[in-house]
Structures are given as C-alpha cells and as structure tokens.
Protein backbone atom coordinates (compact mmCIF):
# COMPACT_ATOMS: atom_id res chain seq x y z
CA MET A 1 113.29 -23.31 -54.55
CA ASN A 2 110.69 -22.80 -52.88
CA GLU A 3 109.29 -18.92 -54.38
CA SER A 4 107.22 -18.45 -50.55
CA ARG A 5 110.12 -18.20 -49.02
CA LEU A 6 112.06 -15.11 -47.55
CA PHE A 7 114.84 -13.61 -46.00
CA VAL A 8 114.67 -10.76 -43.61
CA GLY A 9 117.75 -9.40 -42.93
CA ASN A 10 118.93 -6.57 -40.71
CA LEU A 11 116.73 -7.99 -37.93
CA PRO A 12 116.87 -6.73 -34.81
CA TYR A 13 119.06 -9.53 -32.35
CA GLN A 14 116.48 -9.68 -29.47
CA THR A 15 113.56 -10.66 -32.29
CA MET A 16 111.96 -14.13 -32.13
CA ASP A 17 110.13 -16.31 -34.24
CA ASN A 18 106.96 -15.50 -32.44
CA ASP A 19 107.85 -12.10 -33.34
CA LEU A 20 108.34 -12.52 -36.71
CA GLN A 21 105.30 -14.31 -36.96
CA GLU A 22 103.27 -11.69 -35.71
CA TYR A 23 104.90 -9.10 -37.63
CA PHE A 24 104.64 -11.05 -41.23
CA ALA A 25 101.11 -11.77 -40.69
CA ALA A 26 99.91 -8.91 -41.90
CA ALA A 27 100.86 -9.68 -45.30
CA GLY A 28 99.24 -13.22 -44.99
CA VAL A 29 99.32 -16.51 -43.38
CA VAL A 30 102.68 -17.49 -42.21
CA THR A 31 103.90 -21.28 -42.54
CA SER A 32 107.06 -21.30 -40.96
CA VAL A 33 109.50 -18.79 -38.90
CA ASN A 34 113.14 -19.72 -38.77
CA VAL A 35 115.60 -16.65 -36.93
CA MET A 36 119.05 -18.03 -37.59
CA LEU A 37 120.83 -18.60 -33.74
CA ASP A 38 125.01 -18.69 -33.04
CA LYS A 39 125.42 -22.35 -32.35
CA PHE A 40 127.94 -21.09 -29.83
CA THR A 41 126.33 -18.37 -28.12
CA GLY A 42 122.67 -18.98 -28.89
CA LYS A 43 122.15 -15.29 -29.72
CA SER A 44 120.54 -14.59 -33.23
CA ARG A 45 122.82 -13.95 -36.17
CA GLY A 46 120.43 -10.69 -37.02
CA PHE A 47 118.60 -12.37 -40.10
CA ALA A 48 116.15 -14.96 -40.54
CA PHE A 49 113.90 -16.85 -42.73
CA VAL A 50 110.03 -16.68 -43.31
CA GLU A 51 107.93 -18.88 -45.42
CA MET A 52 104.54 -17.76 -46.50
CA THR A 53 102.18 -20.14 -47.66
CA ASN A 54 101.83 -18.82 -51.49
CA ARG A 55 103.69 -16.70 -53.69
CA ASN A 56 101.46 -14.20 -53.67
CA GLU A 57 101.47 -13.58 -49.96
CA ALA A 58 105.45 -13.44 -50.49
CA GLY A 59 105.41 -10.88 -53.01
CA ASN A 60 102.95 -8.77 -50.57
CA ALA A 61 105.63 -9.31 -47.93
CA ILE A 62 108.33 -8.47 -49.94
CA ALA A 63 106.42 -4.89 -51.20
CA GLY A 64 104.85 -4.39 -48.09
CA LEU A 65 107.51 -5.03 -45.20
CA ASN A 66 111.05 -4.40 -47.11
CA GLY A 67 112.65 -1.37 -45.40
CA THR A 68 109.80 -0.89 -42.57
CA GLU A 69 111.10 -0.41 -39.09
CA LEU A 70 111.24 -3.39 -36.84
CA ASN A 71 112.51 -1.83 -32.88
CA GLY A 72 114.56 0.72 -34.76
CA ARG A 73 115.75 -1.19 -37.58
CA ALA A 74 115.26 -0.83 -41.29
CA LEU A 75 114.43 -4.57 -42.47
CA ASN A 76 115.46 -6.27 -45.65
CA VAL A 77 113.34 -8.50 -47.11
CA ASN A 78 114.12 -10.49 -50.28
CA GLU A 79 112.89 -13.44 -52.20
CA ALA A 80 115.48 -16.63 -50.24
CA LYS A 81 118.07 -17.60 -52.39
CA PRO A 82 119.00 -21.34 -52.91
CA ARG A 83 122.02 -22.34 -50.34
CA GLU A 84 125.40 -22.43 -52.44
CA GLU A 85 127.09 -25.54 -51.57
CA ARG A 86 130.29 -25.32 -49.47
CA SER A 87 133.10 -28.28 -49.04
CA GLY A 88 134.18 -29.31 -45.65
CA ARG A 89 137.21 -28.03 -45.81
CA PRO A 90 138.33 -24.52 -45.18
CA ALA A 91 139.83 -22.39 -47.06
CA GLY A 92 143.50 -22.61 -47.81
CA GLY A 93 143.59 -26.27 -47.62
CA ASN A 94 145.50 -27.08 -44.50
CA GLY A 95 145.93 -23.04 -43.22
CA GLY A 96 149.62 -24.15 -43.19
CA PHE A 97 149.61 -27.01 -41.38
CA GLY A 98 150.72 -30.37 -42.22
CA ARG A 99 153.35 -29.30 -45.02
CA GLN A 100 156.67 -31.01 -44.60
CA ARG A 101 159.34 -29.02 -43.38
CA ARG A 102 162.88 -29.15 -45.40
CA GLU A 103 165.62 -28.94 -42.51
CA ALA A 104 169.22 -27.63 -43.21
CA ARG A 105 171.44 -30.34 -43.39
CA TRP A 106 175.21 -29.34 -43.09
C-alpha cells in the first residue's frame, strides 16, 4: 500500500478535487486528489483520497488537518487502507430468485 495515500472523510458534499488540492497544499506537495462520486447521480459521496509526495508529508497532513473544519464539517484524515476484495455476487446469493418452488400435488 502506498503510505502517502490518505483517506479523507466527512467532506462537505460541494467539495471538489481542486478545493482539496489547495487545502492539503498547506501540509506538502499533493500529487493527486480523487473525490469519490456516486455513479448514478454524479454527486459527491462525502469522501476522497489524497496522495502526497512522501510519507512525511502524509504524516504532516494527518497531524495538521485531521479534525479541522472545511466548510463547516470536521474532516477525518487517515492513512488509506488497502481495498478489500469483494465478490461479484450479492449477499445472500440470488436473493431468493431461482429457487425451485415446490408445488403441492393433491
């Protein structure tokens, strides 16, 4: 896992990539910002990933920006964790579909 990648939660929904780029620049050089958007509505999901140039700058960002307010919301800034693998199947299998029905025989 990239130790300079940060998870930023509790974002105001109007926050865009360039807003976070400017906000995190106080802690060091920002190499990328990715605000997560809902695939159907295109609106922010309230969290983002920010990548700094090195681990020291990422640590500075966590220490200096975690809990600070951005547009009235206290940010949660942590080291990003690896993405968990998810299977392509929905929980519960077929959700009840596809089961054979027993028919009463009289």
